[in-house]
Amino acid sequence: MTEPTTPTRKTPAPTTSTTTIAEAEEPRLLVEREGPVLTLTINRPKALNALDADTMHALLEALGTAVGTDEIRCVILTGAGERAFVAGADIAAMVDIGSWEARAFTELGHALGDAMETLPIPIIAAVNGFALGGGCELAVACDFIYAARTARFGQPEVNLGLIPGFGGTQRLPRRIGVARARELIFTGEIISADEALRIGLCNRVFEPADLLPKARATAALIAGKPPLAIADAKRALRRSEELSLSAGNELEQQLFAGLFATADRREGMKAFLEKRPAKFHGR
């Protein structure tokens, strides 16, 4: 992936376009597997990787395949080209649709976000450029976000007479707090990667050339951990946003006790006592 350049002035919100004939010949999603790490690259660079129905269906299919493959332990999601992770939903494809079509589109976006959150495998968003509207919502549906210093985040739907439609009004305040989410959604402001880091929207910021190597290093680290424990940790953390403290603690106790029946737990403790690296197999 080519290293993006740093903007020298305030960056305006990009516009997106519908599919061209040339683009239709290219896969919407590039899938690359390196050992237990799966990298998914949204591949619409001429449209700034804008989300349309075909792209979201391709992502859902890839996530379903990842769940069905025991060897995959972590997923990285990023965008093709120099400028964008995902610059938003495909506005040109949406301009003439009505409420019924819009409902189907938002339901598809929510289905994708739900699939990402409930996936038992961690997903790292490697945000290499614009992550606006649906792109920001897609990143927030990942377990955590690494960003290039050139990345830009925002929920500018209000400028189109809309609100976020892929879970932004729900996931964003859970990530950064209600007051900051209100400010971003009400103003439509686009913020820098450094500001996103300051408010807790992203976890770490890297120089563009370092983004994917750093994401892959973290993914490889996670992939070496026991997958059943990782899946239960992800489940407990996700449910912590919905449950009361007492109910969440009860869930944690159930999951903690259940893991004692696994071969991975026995291997982990045995390896610790024997002062050797553990070998986990997801059993």
C-alpha atoms as a PDB file:
ATOM      1  CA  MET A   1       0.000   0.000   0.000  1.00  0.00           C
ATOM      2  CA  THR A   2       1.372   3.378  -0.985  1.00  0.00           C
ATOM      3  CA  GLU A   3       2.250   5.751   1.835  1.00  0.00           C
ATOM      4  CA  PRO A   4      -0.268   8.618   1.981  1.00  0.00           C
ATOM      5  CA  THR A   5       0.870  12.210   2.112  1.00  0.00           C
ATOM      6  CA  THR A   6       0.105  14.548   4.980  1.00  0.00           C
ATOM      7  CA  PRO A   7      -2.401  17.315   4.130  1.00  0.00           C
ATOM      8  CA  THR A   8      -0.934  20.807   4.273  1.00  0.00           C
ATOM      9  CA  ARG A   9      -4.231  22.522   4.958  1.00  0.00           C
ATOM     10  CA  LYS A  10      -7.597  21.742   6.474  1.00  0.00           C
ATOM     11  CA  THR A  11      -8.953  18.719   4.647  1.00  0.00           C
ATOM     12  CA  PRO A  12     -12.489  19.002   3.276  1.00  0.00           C
ATOM     13  CA  ALA A  13     -14.862  16.084   3.505  1.00  0.00           C
ATOM     14  CA  PRO A  14     -14.396  13.898   0.418  1.00  0.00           C
ATOM     15  CA  THR A  15     -17.175  12.966  -1.939  1.00  0.00           C
ATOM     16  CA  THR A  16     -17.835   9.443  -3.165  1.00  0.00           C
ATOM     17  CA  SER A  17     -18.954   8.022  -6.480  1.00  0.00           C
ATOM     18  CA  THR A  18     -20.862   5.023  -7.740  1.00  0.00           C
ATOM     19  CA  THR A  19     -19.247   1.938  -9.200  1.00  0.00           C
ATOM     20  CA  THR A  20     -17.505   2.303 -12.547  1.00  0.00           C
ATOM     21  CA  ILE A  21     -17.244  -0.472 -15.153  1.00  0.00           C
ATOM     22  CA  ALA A  22     -13.531  -0.848 -14.420  1.00  0.00           C
ATOM     23  CA  GLU A  23     -14.193  -1.084 -10.692  1.00  0.00           C
ATOM     24  CA  ALA A  24     -16.847  -3.746 -11.210  1.00  0.00           C
ATOM     25  CA  GLU A  25     -14.108  -5.990 -12.609  1.00  0.00           C
ATOM     26  CA  GLU A  26     -12.102  -5.710  -9.392  1.00  0.00           C
ATOM     27  CA  PRO A  27     -12.952  -7.547  -6.167  1.00  0.00           C
ATOM     28  CA  ARG A  28     -14.644  -5.343  -3.585  1.00  0.00           C
ATOM     29  CA  LEU A  29     -12.527  -6.935  -0.886  1.00  0.00           C
ATOM     30  CA  LEU A  30      -8.923  -8.126  -0.920  1.00  0.00           C
ATOM     31  CA  VAL A  31      -8.316 -11.078   1.398  1.00  0.00           C
ATOM     32  CA  GLU A  32      -4.805 -11.926   2.532  1.00  0.00           C
ATOM     33  CA  ARG A  33      -3.898 -14.540   5.082  1.00  0.00           C
ATOM     34  CA  GLU A  34      -0.541 -14.708   6.825  1.00  0.00           C
ATOM     35  CA  GLY A  35      -0.558 -17.621   9.236  1.00  0.00           C
ATOM     36  CA  PRO A  36      -3.328 -17.052  11.803  1.00  0.00           C
ATOM     37  CA  VAL A  37      -3.842 -13.393  10.796  1.00  0.00           C
ATOM     38  CA  LEU A  38      -6.411 -12.435   8.147  1.00  0.00           C
ATOM     39  CA  THR A  39      -6.139  -9.002   6.507  1.00  0.00           C
ATOM     40  CA  LEU A  40      -9.268  -7.643   4.785  1.00  0.00           C
ATOM     41  CA  THR A  41      -8.722  -4.623   2.527  1.00  0.00           C
ATOM     42  CA  ILE A  42     -11.759  -2.736   1.238  1.00  0.00           C
ATOM     43  CA  ASN A  43     -10.912  -2.252  -2.420  1.00  0.00           C
ATOM     44  CA  ARG A  44     -12.704   0.751  -3.932  1.00  0.00           C
ATOM     45  CA  PRO A  45      -9.875   3.306  -3.965  1.00  0.00           C
ATOM     46  CA  LYS A  46     -11.369   5.381  -6.801  1.00  0.00           C
ATOM     47  CA  ALA A  47     -14.520   5.804  -4.702  1.00  0.00           C
ATOM     48  CA  LEU A  48     -12.432   6.310  -1.530  1.00  0.00           C
ATOM     49  CA  ASN A  49     -13.560   2.821  -0.444  1.00  0.00           C
ATOM     50  CA  ALA A  50     -17.138   4.019   0.020  1.00  0.00           C
ATOM     51  CA  LEU A  51     -19.492   1.408   1.434  1.00  0.00           C
ATOM     52  CA  ASP A  52     -22.159   0.067  -0.857  1.00  0.00           C
ATOM     53  CA  ALA A  53     -24.282  -3.055  -0.494  1.00  0.00           C
ATOM     54  CA  ASP A  54     -21.910  -5.265  -2.494  1.00  0.00           C
ATOM     55  CA  THR A  55     -18.945  -4.245  -0.334  1.00  0.00           C
ATOM     56  CA  MET A  56     -20.819  -4.909   2.890  1.00  0.00           C
ATOM     57  CA  HIS A  57     -21.986  -8.309   1.638  1.00  0.00           C
ATOM     58  CA  ALA A  58     -18.375  -9.149   0.739  1.00  0.00           C
ATOM     59  CA  LEU A  59     -17.280  -8.221   4.265  1.00  0.00           C
ATOM     60  CA  LEU A  60     -20.036 -10.322   5.831  1.00  0.00           C
ATOM     61  CA  GLU A  61     -19.035 -13.301   3.701  1.00  0.00           C
ATOM     62  CA  ALA A  62     -15.355 -12.922   4.640  1.00  0.00           C
ATOM     63  CA  LEU A  63     -16.184 -12.699   8.345  1.00  0.00           C
ATOM     64  CA  GLY A  64     -18.323 -15.817   8.086  1.00  0.00           C
ATOM     65  CA  THR A  65     -15.439 -17.657   6.461  1.00  0.00           C
ATOM     66  CA  ALA A  66     -13.083 -16.492   9.226  1.00  0.00           C
ATOM     67  CA  VAL A  67     -15.380 -17.914  11.902  1.00  0.00           C
ATOM     68  CA  GLY A  68     -15.469 -21.245  10.076  1.00  0.00           C
ATOM     69  CA  THR A  69     -11.664 -21.491   9.967  1.00  0.00           C
ATOM     70  CA  ASP A  70     -10.144 -22.545  13.271  1.00  0.00           C
ATOM     71  CA  GLU A  71      -6.672 -21.430  12.226  1.00  0.00           C
ATOM     72  CA  ILE A  72      -7.595 -17.725  11.946  1.00  0.00           C
ATOM     73  CA  ARG A  73      -7.046 -15.993  15.286  1.00  0.00           C
ATOM     74  CA  CYS A  74      -7.140 -12.252  14.456  1.00  0.00           C
ATOM     75  CA  VAL A  75      -8.456 -10.002  11.674  1.00  0.00           C
ATOM     76  CA  ILE A  76      -7.099  -6.666  10.398  1.00  0.00           C
ATOM     77  CA  LEU A  77      -9.456  -4.378   8.469  1.00  0.00           C
ATOM     78  CA  THR A  78      -8.029  -1.586   6.318  1.00  0.00           C
ATOM     79  CA  GLY A  79      -8.631   0.327   3.079  1.00  0.00           C
ATOM     80  CA  ALA A  80      -6.932   0.282  -0.313  1.00  0.00           C
ATOM     81  CA  GLY A  81      -5.157   3.282  -1.799  1.00  0.00           C
ATOM     82  CA  GLU A  82      -3.526   6.364  -0.353  1.00  0.00           C
ATOM     83  CA  ARG A  83      -6.432   8.412   0.900  1.00  0.00           C
ATOM     84  CA  ALA A  84      -9.143   6.442   2.640  1.00  0.00           C
ATOM     85  CA  PHE A  85      -9.973   3.686   5.084  1.00  0.00           C
ATOM     86  CA  VAL A  86     -13.651   4.151   4.222  1.00  0.00           C
ATOM     87  CA  ALA A  87     -14.786   7.668   3.339  1.00  0.00           C
ATOM     88  CA  GLY A  88     -18.421   6.874   4.135  1.00  0.00           C
ATOM     89  CA  ALA A  89     -21.419   5.299   2.481  1.00  0.00           C
ATOM     90  CA  ASP A  90     -21.738   5.671  -1.295  1.00  0.00           C
ATOM     91  CA  ILE A  91     -23.696   8.935  -1.462  1.00  0.00           C
ATOM     92  CA  ALA A  92     -24.151   8.878  -5.226  1.00  0.00           C
ATOM     93  CA  ALA A  93     -25.838   5.484  -4.925  1.00  0.00           C
ATOM     94  CA  MET A  94     -28.118   6.783  -2.145  1.00  0.00           C
ATOM     95  CA  VAL A  95     -29.244  10.131  -3.513  1.00  0.00           C
ATOM     96  CA  ASP A  96     -32.420   8.877  -5.232  1.00  0.00           C
ATOM     97  CA  ILE A  97     -33.528   6.111  -2.865  1.00  0.00           C
ATOM     98  CA  GLY A  98     -36.594   6.318  -0.633  1.00  0.00           C
ATOM     99  CA  SER A  99     -37.297   5.358   2.947  1.00  0.00           C
ATOM    100  CA  TRP A 100     -37.849   1.655   2.246  1.00  0.00           C
ATOM    101  CA  GLU A 101     -34.546   1.307   0.417  1.00  0.00           C
ATOM    102  CA  ALA A 102     -32.837   3.387   3.096  1.00  0.00           C
ATOM    103  CA  ARG A 103     -34.203   1.061   5.779  1.00  0.00           C
ATOM    104  CA  ALA A 104     -32.773  -1.968   3.964  1.00  0.00           C
ATOM    105  CA  PHE A 105     -29.412  -0.201   3.611  1.00  0.00           C
ATOM    106  CA  THR A 106     -29.192   0.750   7.275  1.00  0.00           C
ATOM    107  CA  GLU A 107     -30.230  -2.775   8.301  1.00  0.00           C
ATOM    108  CA  LEU A 108     -27.372  -4.169   6.213  1.00  0.00           C
ATOM    109  CA  GLY A 109     -24.917  -1.769   7.849  1.00  0.00           C
ATOM    110  CA  HIS A 110     -26.146  -2.773  11.296  1.00  0.00           C
ATOM    111  CA  ALA A 111     -25.925  -6.466  10.409  1.00  0.00           C
ATOM    112  CA  LEU A 112     -22.284  -5.926   9.455  1.00  0.00           C
ATOM    113  CA  GLY A 113     -21.504  -4.058  12.676  1.00  0.00           C
ATOM    114  CA  ASP A 114     -23.228  -6.740  14.751  1.00  0.00           C
ATOM    115  CA  ALA A 115     -21.298  -9.488  12.944  1.00  0.00           C
ATOM    116  CA  MET A 116     -18.030  -7.715  13.701  1.00  0.00           C
ATOM    117  CA  GLU A 117     -18.852  -7.219  17.362  1.00  0.00           C
ATOM    118  CA  THR A 118     -20.038 -10.793  17.919  1.00  0.00           C
ATOM    119  CA  LEU A 119     -17.201 -12.385  15.956  1.00  0.00           C
ATOM    120  CA  PRO A 120     -15.233 -14.493  18.474  1.00  0.00           C
ATOM    121  CA  ILE A 121     -12.033 -13.338  16.792  1.00  0.00           C
ATOM    122  CA  PRO A 122     -10.619  -9.843  17.529  1.00  0.00           C
ATOM    123  CA  ILE A 123     -10.705  -7.291  14.702  1.00  0.00           C
ATOM    124  CA  ILE A 124      -8.164  -4.460  14.509  1.00  0.00           C
ATOM    125  CA  ALA A 125      -9.054  -1.444  12.372  1.00  0.00           C
ATOM    126  CA  ALA A 126      -5.947  -0.095  10.607  1.00  0.00           C
ATOM    127  CA  VAL A 127      -7.246   3.331   9.587  1.00  0.00           C
ATOM    128  CA  ASN A 128      -5.000   4.616   6.827  1.00  0.00           C
ATOM    129  CA  GLY A 129      -6.944   7.719   5.756  1.00  0.00           C
ATOM    130  CA  PHE A 130     -10.494   9.092   5.840  1.00  0.00           C
ATOM    131  CA  ALA A 131     -12.813   7.223   8.226  1.00  0.00           C
ATOM    132  CA  LEU A 132     -15.981   9.250   7.853  1.00  0.00           C
ATOM    133  CA  GLY A 133     -19.643   8.430   8.365  1.00  0.00           C
ATOM    134  CA  GLY A 134     -20.038   4.730   7.722  1.00  0.00           C
ATOM    135  CA  GLY A 135     -16.261   4.415   7.721  1.00  0.00           C
ATOM    136  CA  CYS A 136     -15.989   5.767  11.247  1.00  0.00           C
ATOM    137  CA  GLU A 137     -18.852   3.484  12.281  1.00  0.00           C
ATOM    138  CA  LEU A 138     -17.074   0.513  10.696  1.00  0.00           C
ATOM    139  CA  ALA A 139     -13.881   1.324  12.607  1.00  0.00           C
ATOM    140  CA  VAL A 140     -15.747   1.718  15.902  1.00  0.00           C
ATOM    141  CA  ALA A 141     -17.345  -1.709  15.402  1.00  0.00           C
ATOM    142  CA  CYS A 142     -13.821  -3.179  15.476  1.00  0.00           C
ATOM    143  CA  ASP A 143     -12.288  -4.177  18.801  1.00  0.00           C
ATOM    144  CA  PHE A 144      -9.766  -1.361  18.668  1.00  0.00           C
ATOM    145  CA  ILE A 145      -8.326   1.138  16.230  1.00  0.00           C
ATOM    146  CA  TYR A 146      -4.794   1.876  15.077  1.00  0.00           C
ATOM    147  CA  ALA A 147      -4.489   4.980  12.912  1.00  0.00           C
ATOM    148  CA  ALA A 148      -1.977   6.524  10.554  1.00  0.00           C
ATOM    149  CA  ARG A 149      -1.032  10.077  11.454  1.00  0.00           C
ATOM    150  CA  THR A 150      -2.732  11.141   8.200  1.00  0.00           C
ATOM    151  CA  ALA A 151      -6.053   9.545   9.180  1.00  0.00           C
ATOM    152  CA  ARG A 152      -9.184  11.657   9.638  1.00  0.00           C
ATOM    153  CA  PHE A 153     -12.305  10.688  11.598  1.00  0.00           C
ATOM    154  CA  GLY A 154     -15.822  12.103  11.660  1.00  0.00           C
ATOM    155  CA  GLN A 155     -19.587  11.617  11.514  1.00  0.00           C
ATOM    156  CA  PRO A 156     -20.598  14.299   8.998  1.00  0.00           C
ATOM    157  CA  GLU A 157     -24.043  12.872   8.148  1.00  0.00           C
ATOM    158  CA  VAL A 158     -25.747  15.978   9.567  1.00  0.00           C
ATOM    159  CA  ASN A 159     -24.370  17.915   6.588  1.00  0.00           C
ATOM    160  CA  LEU A 160     -26.522  15.683   4.355  1.00  0.00           C
ATOM    161  CA  GLY A 161     -29.657  16.084   6.454  1.00  0.00           C
ATOM    162  CA  LEU A 162     -29.132  12.684   8.081  1.00  0.00           C
ATOM    163  CA  ILE A 163     -27.881  11.010  11.233  1.00  0.00           C
ATOM    164  CA  PRO A 164     -25.391   8.124  11.425  1.00  0.00           C
ATOM    165  CA  GLY A 165     -27.086   4.988  10.142  1.00  0.00           C
ATOM    166  CA  PHE A 166     -24.662   2.150  10.860  1.00  0.00           C
ATOM    167  CA  GLY A 167     -24.597   2.357  14.668  1.00  0.00           C
ATOM    168  CA  GLY A 168     -22.738   5.631  15.182  1.00  0.00           C
ATOM    169  CA  THR A 169     -25.241   7.087  17.640  1.00  0.00           C
ATOM    170  CA  GLN A 170     -24.848   3.985  19.800  1.00  0.00           C
ATOM    171  CA  ARG A 171     -21.243   2.767  19.514  1.00  0.00           C
ATOM    172  CA  LEU A 172     -19.512   6.144  19.349  1.00  0.00           C
ATOM    173  CA  PRO A 173     -20.746   7.391  22.778  1.00  0.00           C
ATOM    174  CA  ARG A 174     -19.813   4.052  24.289  1.00  0.00           C
ATOM    175  CA  ARG A 175     -16.289   4.544  22.975  1.00  0.00           C
ATOM    176  CA  ILE A 176     -15.653   8.243  23.675  1.00  0.00           C
ATOM    177  CA  GLY A 177     -18.485   9.332  25.989  1.00  0.00           C
ATOM    178  CA  VAL A 178     -21.847  10.903  25.244  1.00  0.00           C
ATOM    179  CA  ALA A 179     -20.725  14.552  25.339  1.00  0.00           C
ATOM    180  CA  ARG A 180     -17.901  14.113  22.826  1.00  0.00           C
ATOM    181  CA  ALA A 181     -20.102  11.955  20.585  1.00  0.00           C
ATOM    182  CA  ARG A 182     -22.776  14.658  20.600  1.00  0.00           C
ATOM    183  CA  GLU A 183     -20.209  17.247  19.581  1.00  0.00           C
ATOM    184  CA  LEU A 184     -18.912  15.187  16.652  1.00  0.00           C
ATOM    185  CA  ILE A 185     -22.376  14.173  15.424  1.00  0.00           C
ATOM    186  CA  PHE A 186     -24.051  17.593  15.873  1.00  0.00           C
ATOM    187  CA  THR A 187     -21.216  19.570  14.239  1.00  0.00           C
ATOM    188  CA  GLY A 188     -20.148  17.062  11.593  1.00  0.00           C
ATOM    189  CA  GLU A 189     -16.558  18.006  12.450  1.00  0.00           C
ATOM    190  CA  ILE A 190     -13.685  16.015  10.958  1.00  0.00           C
ATOM    191  CA  ILE A 191     -10.853  15.448  13.422  1.00  0.00           C
ATOM    192  CA  SER A 192      -7.224  14.413  13.097  1.00  0.00           C
ATOM    193  CA  ALA A 193      -5.722  11.133  14.218  1.00  0.00           C
ATOM    194  CA  ASP A 194      -3.982  12.893  17.108  1.00  0.00           C
ATOM    195  CA  GLU A 195      -7.291  14.352  18.301  1.00  0.00           C
ATOM    196  CA  ALA A 196      -8.933  10.940  17.915  1.00  0.00           C
ATOM    197  CA  LEU A 197      -6.198   9.514  20.125  1.00  0.00           C
ATOM    198  CA  ARG A 198      -6.692  12.271  22.715  1.00  0.00           C
ATOM    199  CA  ILE A 199     -10.427  11.583  23.080  1.00  0.00           C
ATOM    200  CA  GLY A 200     -10.039   7.797  23.068  1.00  0.00           C
ATOM    201  CA  LEU A 201     -11.482   7.115  19.628  1.00  0.00           C
ATOM    202  CA  CYS A 202      -8.327   5.351  18.476  1.00  0.00           C
ATOM    203  CA  ASN A 203      -5.790   3.433  20.539  1.00  0.00           C
ATOM    204  CA  ARG A 204      -2.499   4.370  18.898  1.00  0.00           C
ATOM    205  CA  VAL A 205      -1.200   6.592  16.090  1.00  0.00           C
ATOM    206  CA  PHE A 206       1.688   5.649  13.796  1.00  0.00           C
ATOM    207  CA  GLU A 207       3.484   7.080  10.823  1.00  0.00           C
ATOM    208  CA  PRO A 208       1.727   5.830   7.670  1.00  0.00           C
ATOM    209  CA  ALA A 209       4.480   3.399   6.686  1.00  0.00           C
ATOM    210  CA  ASP A 210       4.377   1.830  10.154  1.00  0.00           C
ATOM    211  CA  LEU A 211       0.607   1.366  10.413  1.00  0.00           C
ATOM    212  CA  LEU A 212       0.171  -2.093   8.896  1.00  0.00           C
ATOM    213  CA  PRO A 213       3.411  -3.539  10.325  1.00  0.00           C
ATOM    214  CA  LYS A 214       2.353  -2.419  13.798  1.00  0.00           C
ATOM    215  CA  ALA A 215      -1.172  -3.768  13.334  1.00  0.00           C
ATOM    216  CA  ARG A 216       0.223  -7.083  12.093  1.00  0.00           C
ATOM    217  CA  ALA A 217       2.618  -7.311  15.023  1.00  0.00           C
ATOM    218  CA  THR A 218      -0.250  -6.824  17.479  1.00  0.00           C
ATOM    219  CA  ALA A 219      -2.436  -9.279  15.560  1.00  0.00           C
ATOM    220  CA  ALA A 220       0.341 -11.876  15.680  1.00  0.00           C
ATOM    221  CA  LEU A 221       0.699 -11.320  19.428  1.00  0.00           C
ATOM    222  CA  ILE A 222      -3.051 -11.856  19.942  1.00  0.00           C
ATOM    223  CA  ALA A 223      -3.003 -14.885  17.626  1.00  0.00           C
ATOM    224  CA  GLY A 224      -0.537 -16.564  19.961  1.00  0.00           C
ATOM    225  CA  LYS A 225      -2.956 -16.384  22.890  1.00  0.00           C
ATOM    226  CA  PRO A 226      -5.539 -19.093  23.711  1.00  0.00           C
ATOM    227  CA  PRO A 227      -8.464 -18.460  21.318  1.00  0.00           C
ATOM    228  CA  LEU A 228     -11.178 -19.670  23.695  1.00  0.00           C
ATOM    229  CA  ALA A 229     -10.029 -17.236  26.380  1.00  0.00           C
ATOM    230  CA  ILE A 230      -9.822 -14.409  23.833  1.00  0.00           C
ATOM    231  CA  ALA A 231     -13.346 -15.176  22.594  1.00  0.00           C
ATOM    232  CA  ASP A 232     -14.747 -15.197  26.132  1.00  0.00           C
ATOM    233  CA  ALA A 233     -12.904 -11.987  27.006  1.00  0.00           C
ATOM    234  CA  LYS A 234     -14.357 -10.302  23.918  1.00  0.00           C
ATOM    235  CA  ARG A 235     -17.837 -11.542  24.821  1.00  0.00           C
ATOM    236  CA  ALA A 236     -17.580 -10.322  28.413  1.00  0.00           C
ATOM    237  CA  LEU A 237     -16.244  -6.916  27.378  1.00  0.00           C
ATOM    238  CA  ARG A 238     -18.982  -6.468  24.783  1.00  0.00           C
ATOM    239  CA  ARG A 239     -21.725  -7.406  27.237  1.00  0.00           C
ATOM    240  CA  SER A 240     -20.282  -5.023  29.842  1.00  0.00           C
ATOM    241  CA  GLU A 241     -21.803  -2.190  27.815  1.00  0.00           C
ATOM    242  CA  GLU A 242     -25.284  -3.670  28.198  1.00  0.00           C
ATOM    243  CA  LEU A 243     -25.357  -5.384  31.600  1.00  0.00           C
ATOM    244  CA  SER A 244     -25.510  -4.005  35.110  1.00  0.00           C
ATOM    245  CA  LEU A 245     -22.322  -4.411  37.128  1.00  0.00           C
ATOM    246  CA  SER A 246     -23.757  -7.336  39.093  1.00  0.00           C
ATOM    247  CA  ALA A 247     -24.984  -9.103  35.954  1.00  0.00           C
ATOM    248  CA  GLY A 248     -21.675  -8.476  34.212  1.00  0.00           C
ATOM    249  CA  ASN A 249     -19.762  -9.889  37.154  1.00  0.00           C
ATOM    250  CA  GLU A 250     -21.995 -12.973  37.101  1.00  0.00           C
ATOM    251  CA  LEU A 251     -21.216 -13.484  33.414  1.00  0.00           C
ATOM    252  CA  GLU A 252     -17.501 -13.109  34.108  1.00  0.00           C
ATOM    253  CA  GLN A 253     -17.685 -15.774  36.825  1.00  0.00           C
ATOM    254  CA  GLN A 254     -19.451 -18.185  34.461  1.00  0.00           C
ATOM    255  CA  LEU A 255     -16.929 -17.671  31.675  1.00  0.00           C
ATOM    256  CA  PHE A 256     -13.941 -17.840  34.031  1.00  0.00           C
ATOM    257  CA  ALA A 257     -15.115 -21.139  35.531  1.00  0.00           C
ATOM    258  CA  GLY A 258     -15.980 -22.586  32.123  1.00  0.00           C
ATOM    259  CA  LEU A 259     -12.463 -22.041  30.823  1.00  0.00           C
ATOM    260  CA  PHE A 260     -11.117 -24.363  33.527  1.00  0.00           C
ATOM    261  CA  ALA A 261     -12.579 -27.252  31.507  1.00  0.00           C
ATOM    262  CA  THR A 262     -10.405 -26.456  28.480  1.00  0.00           C
ATOM    263  CA  ALA A 263      -7.168 -28.069  27.370  1.00  0.00           C
ATOM    264  CA  ASP A 264      -5.752 -24.597  26.704  1.00  0.00           C
ATOM    265  CA  ARG A 265      -6.177 -23.659  30.371  1.00  0.00           C
ATOM    266  CA  ARG A 266      -4.349 -26.801  31.461  1.00  0.00           C
ATOM    267  CA  GLU A 267      -1.580 -26.160  28.929  1.00  0.00           C
ATOM    268  CA  GLY A 268      -1.230 -22.511  29.956  1.00  0.00           C
ATOM    269  CA  MET A 269      -0.827 -23.293  33.640  1.00  0.00           C
ATOM    270  CA  LYS A 270       1.471 -26.263  33.004  1.00  0.00           C
ATOM    271  CA  ALA A 271       3.669 -24.173  30.713  1.00  0.00           C
ATOM    272  CA  PHE A 272       3.821 -21.403  33.320  1.00  0.00           C
ATOM    273  CA  LEU A 273       4.960 -23.804  36.032  1.00  0.00           C
ATOM    274  CA  GLU A 274       7.467 -25.434  33.679  1.00  0.00           C
ATOM    275  CA  LYS A 275       8.758 -22.001  32.565  1.00  0.00           C
ATOM    276  CA  ARG A 276       8.233 -22.656  28.852  1.00  0.00           C
ATOM    277  CA  PRO A 277       6.101 -21.083  26.095  1.00  0.00           C
ATOM    278  CA  ALA A 278       2.568 -22.437  25.984  1.00  0.00           C
ATOM    279  CA  LYS A 279       1.113 -24.012  22.847  1.00  0.00           C
ATOM    280  CA  PHE A 280      -2.594 -23.286  22.514  1.00  0.00           C
ATOM    281  CA  HIS A 281      -4.911 -25.170  20.158  1.00  0.00           C
ATOM    282  CA  GLY A 282      -8.358 -23.752  20.896  1.00  0.00           C
ATOM    283  CA  ARG A 283      -9.585 -26.778  22.819  1.00  0.00           C
END
